[in-house]
Each structure stands twice: as structure tokens, then as C-alpha cells.
Amino acid sequence: MKRYALEVGNLDGLVFLIGLIMIGPAVVFAIIGAILSGNKKPKAAKVFYILAGVYLLISFGTCGFLAGGF
């Protein structure tokens, strides 16, 4: 059986990497926000919570739409 250059095998690692890119930074922003709210800095914590929410909104909205193939 001859294999061509465009054939792909198992893409589980690639799917995991894309999911990590979509969720990872938002989780990091939320953790930083939780640390800052524990250190009595509510304004900075609120900024990081908003950043996490906006990142999730964009990553699941636009990028999720493109990754879904619609």
C-alpha cells in the first residue's frame, strides 16, 4: 500500500492543542484574577475576569465557528 503526503492519520494531538489554545489563556486570566481578588485588589481582579470572559467569547465564537467548518 502506497502512502501519499496528504494522507493524515491520528489527529487527536492537534485537536487537543487547538482546544488548549482556545481555553488555556482564559483559565490563566481567571486564576490571576482569583489571586488578585484574594490580595484585596478588586479592580485589577475585575479586569482579569473580564479579559477571561472576552477571550472565551471570542475563542468559542469566531474560532469555534471556523474550527467547526460552517
Protein backbone atom coordinates (compact mmCIF):
# COMPACT_ATOMS: atom_id res chain seq x y z
CA MET A 1 0.00 0.00 0.00
CA LYS A 2 1.41 3.33 -1.04
CA ARG A 3 1.07 6.34 1.29
CA TYR A 4 0.78 9.83 -0.10
CA ALA A 5 1.99 13.01 1.53
CA LEU A 6 -1.53 14.41 2.01
CA GLU A 7 -2.89 11.45 3.97
CA VAL A 8 -3.31 12.04 7.67
CA GLY A 9 -3.51 9.60 10.50
CA ASN A 10 -4.49 10.25 14.08
CA LEU A 11 -5.23 13.94 14.72
CA ASP A 12 -6.04 13.69 18.43
CA GLY A 13 -2.98 15.71 19.43
CA LEU A 14 -3.88 18.52 17.05
CA VAL A 15 -7.46 18.68 18.36
CA PHE A 16 -6.14 18.78 21.94
CA LEU A 17 -3.71 21.59 21.04
CA ILE A 18 -6.45 23.67 19.42
CA GLY A 19 -8.67 23.15 22.48
CA LEU A 20 -5.81 24.17 24.74
CA ILE A 21 -5.26 27.35 22.73
CA MET A 22 -8.99 28.14 22.95
CA ILE A 23 -9.33 27.58 26.71
CA GLY A 24 -5.83 27.92 28.20
CA PRO A 25 -5.31 31.69 28.31
CA ALA A 26 -8.79 32.29 29.72
CA VAL A 27 -8.08 29.86 32.56
CA VAL A 28 -4.78 31.63 33.27
CA PHE A 29 -6.54 35.03 33.31
CA ALA A 30 -9.19 33.69 35.69
CA ILE A 31 -6.54 32.25 38.04
CA ILE A 32 -4.69 35.58 38.07
CA GLY A 33 -7.98 37.32 38.81
CA ALA A 34 -8.67 34.97 41.71
CA ILE A 35 -5.20 35.58 43.14
CA LEU A 36 -5.64 39.35 42.85
CA SER A 37 -9.07 39.26 44.48
CA GLY A 38 -7.52 37.32 47.36
CA ASN A 39 -4.87 40.03 47.68
CA LYS A 40 -7.54 42.72 48.12
CA LYS A 41 -7.17 44.25 44.65
CA PRO A 42 -10.73 44.09 43.34
CA LYS A 43 -10.31 46.45 40.37
CA ALA A 44 -7.38 44.53 38.93
CA ALA A 45 -9.17 41.23 39.57
CA LYS A 46 -12.24 42.51 37.74
CA VAL A 47 -10.10 43.44 34.74
CA PHE A 48 -8.65 39.92 34.56
CA TYR A 49 -12.10 38.34 34.91
CA ILE A 50 -13.36 40.50 32.05
CA LEU A 51 -10.33 39.56 29.95
CA ALA A 52 -11.02 35.88 30.59
CA GLY A 53 -14.67 36.29 29.58
CA VAL A 54 -13.86 38.21 26.42
CA TYR A 55 -11.20 35.65 25.44
CA LEU A 56 -13.69 32.81 25.88
CA LEU A 57 -16.34 34.68 23.93
CA ILE A 58 -14.00 35.28 21.01
CA SER A 59 -12.36 31.86 21.04
CA PHE A 60 -15.62 29.91 21.18
CA GLY A 61 -17.44 32.33 18.90
CA THR A 62 -15.25 33.19 15.96
CA CYS A 63 -12.60 30.49 16.24
CA GLY A 64 -15.12 27.83 17.20
CA PHE A 65 -17.21 28.77 14.17
CA LEU A 66 -14.18 28.42 11.89
CA ALA A 67 -12.99 25.20 13.54
CA GLY A 68 -16.47 23.70 13.22
CA GLY A 69 -16.31 24.05 9.45
CA PHE A 70 -19.52 26.04 8.95
